Amino acid sequence: TSRIIECEEVWSLGDDSGWLMVEKDDMTVISIWPYRSMAAECTQGAYSECHPISVSLEHFVYGLLKQCQDNDIMLDVNPAPGESGYQVTAAALYEVLEGMMETGSYFIEG
């Protein structure tokens, strides 16, 4: 999650109709990554028609995570091609990201 904070954007896969949602173990899941290149690596096989799509960190945290929570959509963080990443609820991810944003701990000094 710290990489998402540092990059200030969130990437997923999708098409012209929006972000890709898949059914896994009776759950609706959206995969997310901090980098476009990581999302692009997963555009193969069943997802070859998809492309990386990004949103700002603020829009993701304060808009999309609320929608995910309201619709019981899980997030799969940093999956690799053919493998799941870290699955987390929208509410739990919101708490982590919002807390990091409020404290300003995501700024990189240097």
Protein backbone atom coordinates (compact mmCIF):
# COMPACT_ATOMS: atom_id res chain seq x y z
CA THR A 1 0.00 0.00 0.00
CA SER A 2 2.86 2.39 0.59
CA ARG A 3 3.75 2.29 -3.12
CA ILE A 4 0.19 3.33 -4.01
CA ILE A 5 0.55 6.24 -1.60
CA GLU A 6 3.94 7.23 -3.02
CA CYS A 7 2.70 7.10 -6.63
CA GLU A 8 -0.55 8.92 -5.77
CA GLU A 9 -2.45 6.80 -8.28
CA VAL A 10 -4.02 3.37 -8.46
CA TRP A 11 -4.01 1.11 -11.53
CA SER A 12 -6.42 -1.64 -12.47
CA LEU A 13 -7.47 -3.45 -15.63
CA GLY A 14 -10.52 -2.61 -17.65
CA ASP A 15 -12.07 -1.64 -20.94
CA ASP A 16 -14.28 1.13 -22.23
CA SER A 17 -17.02 0.20 -19.75
CA GLY A 18 -14.84 0.49 -16.64
CA TRP A 19 -12.72 -1.56 -14.29
CA LEU A 20 -12.62 -5.33 -14.61
CA MET A 21 -14.44 -7.21 -11.84
CA VAL A 22 -14.03 -10.98 -11.55
CA GLU A 23 -15.70 -13.62 -9.44
CA LYS A 24 -13.33 -15.57 -7.18
CA ASP A 25 -14.52 -17.92 -4.45
CA ASP A 26 -18.05 -16.43 -4.45
CA MET A 27 -16.64 -12.89 -4.13
CA THR A 28 -16.44 -10.03 -6.59
CA VAL A 29 -12.83 -8.86 -6.81
CA ILE A 30 -11.01 -5.92 -8.42
CA SER A 31 -7.26 -6.17 -8.86
CA ILE A 32 -5.15 -3.07 -8.18
CA TRP A 33 -1.50 -2.09 -8.59
CA PRO A 34 0.64 0.95 -7.82
CA TYR A 35 2.30 0.93 -11.25
CA ARG A 36 1.00 0.76 -14.81
CA SER A 37 3.70 -1.74 -15.76
CA MET A 38 2.51 -4.20 -13.09
CA ALA A 39 -1.07 -3.98 -14.35
CA ALA A 40 0.09 -4.34 -17.97
CA GLU A 41 1.88 -7.61 -17.14
CA CYS A 42 -1.51 -9.12 -16.30
CA THR A 43 -3.16 -8.30 -19.66
CA GLN A 44 -2.82 -11.81 -20.99
CA GLY A 45 -4.95 -14.91 -21.32
CA ALA A 46 -8.54 -14.19 -20.34
CA TYR A 47 -7.60 -10.54 -19.76
CA SER A 48 -5.89 -9.91 -23.11
CA GLU A 49 -8.71 -7.57 -24.18
CA CYS A 50 -8.16 -5.37 -21.11
CA HIS A 51 -5.80 -2.46 -20.66
CA PRO A 52 -4.40 -0.62 -17.61
CA ILE A 53 -6.63 2.15 -16.26
CA SER A 54 -5.64 4.60 -13.51
CA VAL A 55 -7.36 6.93 -11.09
CA SER A 56 -5.93 9.40 -8.63
CA LEU A 57 -5.27 8.20 -5.11
CA GLU A 58 -7.85 10.63 -3.70
CA HIS A 59 -10.58 9.47 -6.10
CA PHE A 60 -9.77 5.84 -5.31
CA VAL A 61 -9.79 6.31 -1.52
CA TYR A 62 -12.74 8.69 -1.17
CA GLY A 63 -14.86 7.50 -4.10
CA LEU A 64 -14.16 4.04 -5.44
CA LEU A 65 -13.38 2.33 -2.13
CA LYS A 66 -16.74 3.53 -0.76
CA GLN A 67 -18.48 2.05 -3.81
CA CYS A 68 -16.56 -1.20 -3.36
CA GLN A 69 -17.53 -1.33 0.31
CA ASP A 70 -21.21 -0.65 -0.47
CA ASN A 71 -21.20 -3.50 -3.03
CA ASP A 72 -19.09 -6.03 -1.06
CA ILE A 73 -16.28 -5.93 -3.60
CA MET A 74 -12.88 -7.19 -2.42
CA LEU A 75 -9.56 -5.80 -3.61
CA ASP A 76 -6.69 -7.96 -4.81
CA VAL A 77 -3.51 -5.93 -4.25
CA ASN A 78 -0.52 -6.56 -6.54
CA PRO A 79 -1.49 -9.87 -8.14
CA ALA A 80 0.98 -11.37 -10.58
CA PRO A 81 -0.03 -13.06 -13.85
CA GLY A 82 -1.97 -16.18 -12.89
CA GLU A 83 -1.58 -15.56 -9.14
CA SER A 84 -3.59 -13.73 -6.52
CA GLY A 85 -2.08 -10.89 -4.56
CA TYR A 86 -3.09 -9.76 -1.10
CA GLN A 87 -6.88 -9.80 -0.81
CA VAL A 88 -8.38 -7.19 1.48
CA THR A 89 -11.79 -5.66 2.10
CA ALA A 90 -12.47 -2.16 0.84
CA ALA A 91 -13.09 -1.00 4.42
CA ALA A 92 -9.73 -2.30 5.65
CA LEU A 93 -7.85 -0.79 2.71
CA TYR A 94 -9.66 2.52 3.22
CA GLU A 95 -8.55 2.65 6.86
CA VAL A 96 -4.92 2.02 5.96
CA LEU A 97 -4.73 4.43 3.02
CA GLU A 98 -6.79 7.18 4.63
CA GLY A 99 -4.71 6.96 7.80
CA MET A 100 -1.48 7.26 5.84
CA MET A 101 -2.85 10.22 3.87
CA GLU A 102 -4.07 12.04 7.00
CA THR A 103 -0.76 11.72 8.80
CA GLY A 104 1.17 12.77 5.73
CA SER A 105 3.43 9.78 6.24
CA TYR A 106 3.36 9.04 2.55
CA PHE A 107 5.49 11.98 1.49
CA ILE A 108 8.99 11.05 0.40
CA GLU A 109 11.65 13.44 1.57
CA GLY A 110 14.84 13.89 -0.33
